[in-house]
Amino acid sequence: MMMYIQGEIKRNLARKILSLVFLLTVGWWALTRNPLPSDESMISTFHEHRSDLEEIVRRYREFEPPANQSHTGWLQQGDTVELITRAKVYDVSYSAIGYPWYPNPYLMETGKRVEGDRGDLSRWHKYGSLSIKPEPSNRYYASTLRHGLVWKDFEFFPEVPRIENGELLGPVDSGGKYTFRHPVRASLNRFSTRWREFQCIYRRIEPQWYLRMCNGH
């Protein structure tokens, strides 16, 4: 009888351990699972619509609005709306992080020139890196337990960024200091274990084109 009771205790303990392992595995999967489209599918989309994406970038950067009008007028130029629809894009916007990418962005002289142009906001449209968000938006955005809102999109840099020690380096300021550092990874298919809050990480597609994955938590 005693042996039977001991056996039952051991079996119950084993079942509890297996249940705990299962719950921990499911919990870890829920915390680390990346529900966003794979890098491979996005790179395939990029190549499929490459000519249209490049034309979108060209029109956005070269558009000069009439006096006292916003840059949104670039959408009304020619067949731009049809172009964006065909490319399966729903938003194009510049990033005001760091400095705009003037030619020769890693020279201190360029940093001084950028600082001298601080009052000219239009420079961001022409020289800022561009975030290009693909359709449908609900496929490229997701809510997660660990990182809150996460999303993936394409990023275009007007100049070829410098990459050192796994970091994408922003243009330098007048003192020669990099204005930002972004992690670069070989793959964005899994969430980084060192992913800080409100941080974007990158994967290079081509010298000026990158995949970008960001979190909002």
Protein backbone atom coordinates (compact mmCIF):
# COMPACT_ATOMS: atom_id res chain seq x y z
CA MET A 1 0.00 0.00 0.00
CA MET A 2 2.81 2.37 0.93
CA MET A 3 4.58 1.64 -2.37
CA TYR A 4 1.36 2.38 -4.27
CA ILE A 5 0.97 5.74 -2.50
CA GLN A 6 4.58 6.63 -3.17
CA GLY A 7 4.09 5.70 -6.82
CA GLU A 8 1.05 7.95 -7.08
CA ILE A 9 2.95 10.82 -5.49
CA LYS A 10 5.77 10.39 -8.02
CA ARG A 11 3.32 10.23 -10.96
CA ASN A 12 1.48 13.34 -9.76
CA LEU A 13 4.77 15.15 -9.35
CA ALA A 14 5.84 14.11 -12.85
CA ARG A 15 2.54 15.34 -14.29
CA LYS A 16 2.93 18.69 -12.51
CA ILE A 17 6.49 19.06 -13.79
CA LEU A 18 5.38 18.27 -17.35
CA SER A 19 2.50 20.76 -17.05
CA LEU A 20 4.87 23.42 -15.74
CA VAL A 21 7.33 22.79 -18.57
CA PHE A 22 4.49 22.99 -21.08
CA LEU A 23 3.21 26.28 -19.63
CA LEU A 24 6.69 27.77 -19.55
CA THR A 25 7.29 26.71 -23.16
CA VAL A 26 3.99 28.20 -24.32
CA GLY A 27 4.65 31.37 -22.33
CA TRP A 28 8.13 31.76 -23.78
CA TRP A 29 6.77 31.16 -27.29
CA ALA A 30 4.10 33.83 -26.74
CA LEU A 31 6.71 36.32 -25.52
CA THR A 32 9.27 35.72 -28.28
CA ARG A 33 7.14 34.78 -31.31
CA ASN A 34 7.41 37.27 -34.13
CA PRO A 35 3.98 37.56 -35.82
CA LEU A 36 5.23 39.97 -38.52
CA PRO A 37 5.92 38.92 -42.14
CA SER A 38 9.25 37.21 -42.68
CA ASP A 39 12.27 39.03 -44.05
CA GLU A 40 12.21 36.76 -47.08
CA SER A 41 8.63 37.67 -48.01
CA MET A 42 9.36 41.39 -47.61
CA ILE A 43 12.55 41.20 -49.66
CA SER A 44 10.58 39.39 -52.37
CA THR A 45 7.99 42.21 -52.25
CA PHE A 46 10.77 44.78 -52.49
CA HIS A 47 12.22 43.22 -55.64
CA GLU A 48 8.76 42.77 -57.16
CA HIS A 49 7.97 46.49 -56.78
CA ARG A 50 11.49 47.88 -56.86
CA SER A 51 11.08 50.22 -59.85
CA ASP A 52 7.90 51.70 -58.37
CA LEU A 53 9.52 52.12 -54.94
CA GLU A 54 12.47 53.92 -56.45
CA GLU A 55 10.13 56.22 -58.38
CA ILE A 56 8.17 56.95 -55.20
CA VAL A 57 11.40 57.93 -53.45
CA ARG A 58 12.47 60.12 -56.36
CA ARG A 59 9.14 62.00 -56.49
CA TYR A 60 9.01 62.50 -52.74
CA ARG A 61 12.55 63.86 -52.54
CA GLU A 62 12.42 66.08 -55.63
CA PHE A 63 9.05 67.68 -54.96
CA GLU A 64 9.27 71.36 -54.04
CA PRO A 65 5.96 72.74 -52.75
CA PRO A 66 4.78 76.24 -53.66
CA ALA A 67 5.33 78.91 -51.02
CA ASN A 68 3.37 78.42 -47.79
CA GLN A 69 2.17 74.95 -48.81
CA SER A 70 3.01 71.61 -47.23
CA HIS A 71 4.96 68.75 -48.75
CA THR A 72 1.80 66.62 -48.95
CA GLY A 73 1.23 68.13 -52.38
CA TRP A 74 3.69 65.59 -53.77
CA LEU A 75 0.82 63.10 -53.77
CA GLN A 76 -1.13 65.20 -56.26
CA GLN A 77 1.64 65.19 -58.86
CA GLY A 78 0.72 63.24 -62.00
CA ASP A 79 -0.16 59.60 -61.35
CA THR A 80 1.53 59.42 -57.92
CA VAL A 81 -1.56 58.03 -56.18
CA GLU A 82 -1.82 55.27 -58.77
CA LEU A 83 1.92 54.62 -58.42
CA ILE A 84 1.64 54.19 -54.64
CA THR A 85 -1.37 51.91 -55.03
CA ARG A 86 0.46 49.77 -57.56
CA ALA A 87 3.50 49.52 -55.28
CA LYS A 88 1.24 48.47 -52.37
CA VAL A 89 2.42 51.33 -50.15
CA TYR A 90 0.21 53.33 -47.79
CA ASP A 91 2.62 55.83 -46.25
CA VAL A 92 5.94 57.55 -46.94
CA SER A 93 7.54 59.71 -44.26
CA TYR A 94 10.96 61.03 -43.34
CA SER A 95 12.84 60.26 -40.14
CA ALA A 96 14.06 63.26 -38.16
CA ILE A 97 16.39 61.16 -35.99
CA GLY A 98 19.96 62.40 -35.97
CA TYR A 99 20.88 64.59 -38.95
CA PRO A 100 19.67 64.66 -42.56
CA TRP A 101 21.86 62.69 -44.96
CA TYR A 102 23.65 65.43 -46.88
CA PRO A 103 26.29 64.21 -49.39
CA ASN A 104 29.47 63.13 -47.54
CA PRO A 105 27.58 62.65 -44.25
CA TYR A 106 30.63 61.49 -42.31
CA LEU A 107 32.67 64.67 -42.72
CA MET A 108 32.74 67.24 -39.91
CA GLU A 109 32.39 69.98 -42.52
CA THR A 110 29.08 68.43 -43.58
CA GLY A 111 27.95 68.33 -39.96
CA LYS A 112 28.70 72.05 -39.66
CA ARG A 113 26.74 72.74 -42.83
CA VAL A 114 23.75 70.76 -41.52
CA GLU A 115 23.81 72.67 -38.26
CA GLY A 116 23.87 75.93 -40.19
CA ASP A 117 20.70 74.89 -42.03
CA ARG A 118 18.69 74.13 -38.88
CA GLY A 119 15.91 76.54 -39.80
CA ASP A 120 15.21 74.85 -43.13
CA LEU A 121 12.69 72.09 -42.38
CA SER A 122 12.34 71.21 -46.06
CA ARG A 123 15.78 69.60 -45.94
CA TRP A 124 14.27 66.59 -44.16
CA HIS A 125 12.06 65.82 -47.16
CA LYS A 126 15.04 65.88 -49.49
CA TYR A 127 17.78 64.47 -47.28
CA GLY A 128 16.04 62.57 -44.48
CA SER A 129 15.89 58.78 -44.54
CA LEU A 130 12.47 57.62 -45.74
CA SER A 131 10.24 55.03 -44.07
CA ILE A 132 8.05 53.31 -46.64
CA LYS A 133 5.17 51.35 -45.14
CA PRO A 134 3.71 48.49 -47.20
CA GLU A 135 0.09 47.45 -47.49
CA PRO A 136 -1.93 46.07 -45.85
CA SER A 137 -1.01 47.90 -42.67
CA ASN A 138 -2.59 45.29 -40.37
CA ARG A 139 -0.18 42.69 -41.74
CA TYR A 140 2.93 44.71 -40.94
CA TYR A 141 1.79 45.85 -37.46
CA ALA A 142 1.07 43.55 -34.52
CA SER A 143 0.48 43.68 -30.76
CA THR A 144 2.71 41.51 -28.56
CA LEU A 145 2.88 40.73 -24.86
CA ARG A 146 6.54 41.60 -24.46
CA HIS A 147 7.10 44.57 -26.77
CA GLY A 148 3.66 46.11 -27.20
CA LEU A 149 3.12 47.33 -30.75
CA VAL A 150 5.71 46.10 -33.26
CA TRP A 151 6.02 46.82 -36.98
CA LYS A 152 8.21 46.27 -40.05
CA ASP A 153 8.73 48.50 -43.07
CA PHE A 154 11.31 49.55 -45.66
CA GLU A 155 13.88 52.27 -45.03
CA PHE A 156 15.69 54.23 -47.75
CA PHE A 157 18.84 56.22 -46.97
CA PRO A 158 19.85 59.04 -49.34
CA GLU A 159 23.52 58.12 -48.78
CA VAL A 160 25.11 54.74 -48.10
CA PRO A 161 25.20 54.31 -44.30
CA ARG A 162 28.38 53.25 -42.57
CA ILE A 163 28.12 49.98 -40.64
CA GLU A 164 30.63 49.15 -37.91
CA ASN A 165 30.53 46.46 -35.21
CA GLY A 166 26.93 45.57 -36.03
CA GLU A 167 25.66 49.15 -35.90
CA LEU A 168 24.33 51.51 -38.57
CA LEU A 169 25.95 54.87 -37.91
CA GLY A 170 24.18 58.16 -38.48
CA PRO A 171 25.75 61.28 -40.04
CA VAL A 172 28.31 63.04 -37.86
CA ASP A 173 27.78 66.38 -36.16
CA SER A 174 30.13 69.36 -36.28
CA GLY A 175 32.33 67.66 -33.70
CA GLY A 176 32.64 64.43 -35.66
CA LYS A 177 30.32 62.43 -33.36
CA TYR A 178 27.81 60.01 -34.87
CA THR A 179 24.30 61.37 -34.37
CA PHE A 180 22.81 57.91 -33.79
CA ARG A 181 23.60 54.20 -33.74
CA HIS A 182 21.08 51.56 -34.80
CA PRO A 183 21.61 47.79 -34.46
CA VAL A 184 21.96 45.84 -37.71
CA ARG A 185 21.11 42.14 -37.74
CA ALA A 186 21.47 39.30 -40.25
CA SER A 187 17.78 38.51 -39.72
CA LEU A 188 14.71 40.21 -38.26
CA ASN A 189 12.61 37.06 -38.23
CA ARG A 190 13.05 36.71 -34.47
CA PHE A 191 12.89 39.36 -31.78
CA SER A 192 16.27 40.37 -30.43
CA THR A 193 16.94 39.40 -26.82
CA ARG A 194 18.58 42.82 -26.39
CA TRP A 195 15.82 44.82 -28.02
CA ARG A 196 15.42 48.01 -26.02
CA GLU A 197 12.12 49.86 -25.68
CA PHE A 198 11.21 52.13 -28.60
CA GLN A 199 14.18 50.85 -30.62
CA CYS A 200 14.43 50.03 -34.32
CA ILE A 201 16.75 47.36 -35.70
CA TYR A 202 17.77 46.96 -39.33
CA ARG A 203 18.63 44.38 -41.97
CA ARG A 204 20.46 45.43 -45.11
CA ILE A 205 18.85 44.60 -48.46
CA GLU A 206 21.08 46.78 -50.64
CA PRO A 207 23.54 49.62 -49.88
CA GLN A 208 20.74 52.23 -49.47
CA TRP A 209 17.74 49.97 -48.78
CA TYR A 210 17.00 48.26 -45.47
CA LEU A 211 14.28 46.36 -43.67
CA ARG A 212 13.39 48.01 -40.38
CA MET A 213 11.63 46.49 -37.35
CA CYS A 214 10.57 48.71 -34.42
CA ASN A 215 8.77 48.32 -31.12
CA GLY A 216 6.60 50.82 -29.29
CA HIS A 217 6.94 49.59 -25.73
